[in-house]
Structures are given as structure tokens and as C-alpha cells.
Amino acid sequence: MRDVLRPYRRRTPEVESNWERHLNGQIVQIDATELSALMAHFPERLIIFDLRDSRELKRFPYVIPDALLTANVNLFASIPWIPPETIIVLYAEGEIRRDDPLLDLIASQTSVFVLRGGLQSWLEARLPASQISQRDLPFVQNTSAYVA
């Protein structure tokens, strides 16, 4: 995976350090261009979770293409079902807190990346976004991004 993404990364010591940390099982932030490369090269192994709650989804009803909305999903219960070879990318409206217990739980099961800057960074990079249908929004009722 590292070699596939090489052309998409800025060659800085910080980025190289991030990829080394990922290879050692740590959670790493990636930018929108790196996520786009993952989507192009590993679609069969990639799951993208949109961690926004229902209020955020109603306020800004756009998602990264093929991302799974989690407002009505118990992610804690779903994680054991994710195959270990799966690449997980998490994003929210902006940054995800580093002390979020979900991050550690997912990282213990599979490869985890967090989209730096969240959905806003994706849109600022002028990458495509899908609009959530207004008729689908009533089904997004929980205000918690993941139900414990």
C-alpha cells in the first residue's frame, strides 16, 4: 500500500513518519488526496465511516462517495465483524478527538486512518461529494455518532 500511495504524498519527514507509524499499527491522519488514492487503489478493502451525528448531517447533507453513515449504527458492536485486512478511514465534519475510545477499539482490529480536517478538507480539495437525500434524513435520528 505504501508504494501505491507514494506519488500522492508530499515527501516531507512528517509524512514519512506518519506512514512508518501506520505500519506499526498506530492511527495515522491522512489528507484528502491520500484518501482519494486509497479509494482508487483499494476499493475492495476500504470502508469509510462518516462519524457525524444527525444534527450535523441535517445541517450539511453531503458525504464522501461510498462512505457509510453511522448516526444510527452501533459501531462498537460492528467492529468485531470487520475483517482484519480492511482499511478503515474515519471522518467527521472537522477533526476527530484523539482521545475518542472508538479509535483505539478499531485500531486494535485493523488498519485505521483519520481524515485530517474531516469533510471540510475533502471539499476544500475539490473532490466529489454525494448529497444525502432529504427523504433519507428522517431515518438518521440518533444524535450520537455511535451508540454504546
Protein backbone atom coordinates (compact mmCIF):
# COMPACT_ATOMS: atom_id res chain seq x y z
CA MET A 1 0.00 0.00 0.00
CA ARG A 2 2.84 2.36 0.84
CA ASP A 3 4.29 2.25 -2.69
CA VAL A 4 0.90 2.78 -4.33
CA LEU A 5 0.36 5.98 -2.35
CA ARG A 6 3.91 7.29 -2.81
CA PRO A 7 3.06 9.60 -5.76
CA TYR A 8 0.16 11.09 -3.80
CA ARG A 9 2.15 12.07 -0.74
CA ARG A 10 4.17 15.16 -0.10
CA ARG A 11 7.68 13.98 0.61
CA THR A 12 8.28 15.50 3.98
CA PRO A 13 9.73 13.94 7.13
CA GLU A 14 6.31 14.31 8.85
CA VAL A 15 4.50 12.31 6.14
CA GLU A 16 7.18 9.61 6.10
CA SER A 17 6.94 9.40 9.89
CA ASN A 18 3.14 9.05 9.69
CA TRP A 19 3.40 6.12 7.28
CA GLU A 20 6.00 4.42 9.48
CA ARG A 21 3.65 4.81 12.46
CA HIS A 22 0.77 3.33 10.42
CA LEU A 23 2.89 0.31 9.52
CA ASN A 24 3.49 -0.16 13.25
CA GLY A 25 -0.27 -0.31 13.97
CA GLN A 26 -0.83 3.28 15.04
CA ILE A 27 -3.69 5.54 13.96
CA VAL A 28 -2.50 8.00 11.35
CA GLN A 29 -4.04 11.11 9.85
CA ILE A 30 -4.19 11.32 6.06
CA ASP A 31 -5.18 14.17 3.82
CA ALA A 32 -7.94 14.23 1.23
CA THR A 33 -5.58 13.39 -1.66
CA GLU A 34 -4.31 10.32 0.17
CA LEU A 35 -7.88 9.18 0.84
CA SER A 36 -8.70 9.66 -2.83
CA ALA A 37 -5.74 7.42 -3.71
CA LEU A 38 -6.90 4.75 -1.26
CA MET A 39 -10.35 4.86 -2.85
CA ALA A 40 -8.86 4.42 -6.33
CA HIS A 41 -6.41 1.63 -5.49
CA PHE A 42 -8.07 -0.36 -2.69
CA PRO A 43 -11.86 -0.07 -3.14
CA GLU A 44 -12.43 -3.71 -2.18
CA ARG A 45 -10.54 -3.35 1.12
CA LEU A 46 -11.67 0.13 2.13
CA ILE A 47 -14.51 1.16 4.46
CA ILE A 48 -15.09 4.85 5.10
CA PHE A 49 -17.16 5.80 8.14
CA ASP A 50 -18.83 9.20 8.43
CA LEU A 51 -18.97 9.80 12.20
CA ARG A 52 -21.22 12.87 12.13
CA ASP A 53 -24.34 12.86 14.24
CA SER A 54 -27.85 13.51 12.92
CA ARG A 55 -27.74 17.25 13.61
CA GLU A 56 -24.53 17.60 11.59
CA LEU A 57 -25.94 15.51 8.74
CA LYS A 58 -29.10 17.60 8.56
CA ARG A 59 -27.13 20.83 8.68
CA PHE A 60 -24.72 19.72 5.94
CA PRO A 61 -26.18 16.76 4.00
CA TYR A 62 -23.12 15.76 1.96
CA VAL A 63 -20.85 12.71 2.28
CA ILE A 64 -17.70 11.37 0.71
CA PRO A 65 -18.80 8.90 -2.01
CA ASP A 66 -19.36 5.37 -0.67
CA ALA A 67 -18.95 6.49 2.97
CA LEU A 68 -21.19 4.76 5.49
CA LEU A 69 -23.29 6.97 7.73
CA THR A 70 -23.02 5.91 11.36
CA ALA A 71 -25.63 8.05 13.11
CA ASN A 72 -27.91 5.01 13.59
CA VAL A 73 -25.20 2.37 13.88
CA ASN A 74 -23.64 0.78 16.94
CA LEU A 75 -20.04 0.86 15.72
CA PHE A 76 -18.72 -0.70 18.92
CA ALA A 77 -20.78 -3.83 18.18
CA SER A 78 -19.86 -3.81 14.47
CA ILE A 79 -16.09 -3.69 14.84
CA PRO A 80 -15.53 -7.41 15.58
CA TRP A 81 -17.21 -8.19 12.23
CA ILE A 82 -14.73 -6.13 10.20
CA PRO A 83 -12.09 -8.36 8.54
CA PRO A 84 -8.53 -7.59 9.72
CA GLU A 85 -7.28 -6.83 6.20
CA THR A 86 -9.82 -3.99 5.87
CA ILE A 87 -8.58 -0.41 5.70
CA ILE A 88 -10.78 1.87 7.78
CA VAL A 89 -10.98 5.62 7.25
CA LEU A 90 -12.89 7.75 9.74
CA TYR A 91 -14.03 11.30 9.26
CA ALA A 92 -16.31 13.83 10.88
CA GLU A 93 -17.25 17.38 9.99
CA GLY A 94 -13.85 18.58 11.22
CA GLU A 95 -11.19 16.94 13.38
CA ILE A 96 -11.81 13.78 15.39
CA ARG A 97 -10.68 13.89 19.02
CA ARG A 98 -7.56 11.78 19.62
CA ASP A 99 -8.95 10.52 22.94
CA ASP A 100 -12.03 9.01 21.28
CA PRO A 101 -12.35 5.39 22.58
CA LEU A 102 -13.64 4.25 19.18
CA LEU A 103 -10.23 4.96 17.62
CA ASP A 104 -8.38 2.58 19.92
CA LEU A 105 -11.00 -0.13 19.54
CA ILE A 106 -10.91 -0.04 15.74
CA ALA A 107 -7.10 0.24 15.66
CA SER A 108 -6.86 -2.96 17.71
CA GLN A 109 -8.71 -4.80 14.89
CA THR A 110 -7.47 -3.36 11.59
CA SER A 111 -5.65 -0.51 9.81
CA VAL A 112 -7.13 2.88 10.72
CA PHE A 113 -6.70 6.26 9.12
CA VAL A 114 -8.37 9.51 10.15
CA LEU A 115 -9.09 12.14 7.51
CA ARG A 116 -7.26 15.28 8.62
CA GLY A 117 -9.70 18.19 8.59
CA GLY A 118 -12.69 15.91 8.03
CA LEU A 119 -15.31 16.50 5.37
CA GLN A 120 -14.30 20.15 5.12
CA SER A 121 -10.81 19.21 3.92
CA TRP A 122 -12.31 16.83 1.34
CA LEU A 123 -14.49 19.61 -0.06
CA GLU A 124 -11.66 22.17 0.04
CA ALA A 125 -9.61 19.76 -2.11
CA ARG A 126 -12.50 19.95 -4.63
CA LEU A 127 -13.10 16.22 -4.52
CA PRO A 128 -16.58 14.85 -5.27
CA ALA A 129 -19.23 14.62 -2.58
CA SER A 130 -22.63 12.94 -2.64
CA GLN A 131 -25.73 14.64 -1.33
CA ILE A 132 -27.82 12.80 1.24
CA SER A 133 -31.40 12.62 0.06
CA GLN A 134 -33.88 14.62 2.14
CA ARG A 135 -36.09 11.53 2.32
CA ASP A 136 -33.20 9.58 3.91
CA LEU A 137 -32.57 12.17 6.61
CA PRO A 138 -35.60 11.23 8.78
CA PHE A 139 -34.01 7.78 9.20
CA VAL A 140 -30.94 9.39 10.75
CA GLN A 141 -32.37 10.04 14.18
CA ASN A 142 -29.77 9.37 16.86
CA THR A 143 -27.77 12.37 17.99
CA SER A 144 -24.78 10.22 18.86
CA ALA A 145 -22.41 9.15 16.08
CA TYR A 146 -22.05 5.73 17.71
CA VAL A 147 -24.35 4.21 20.23
CA ALA A 148 -22.65 2.45 23.15
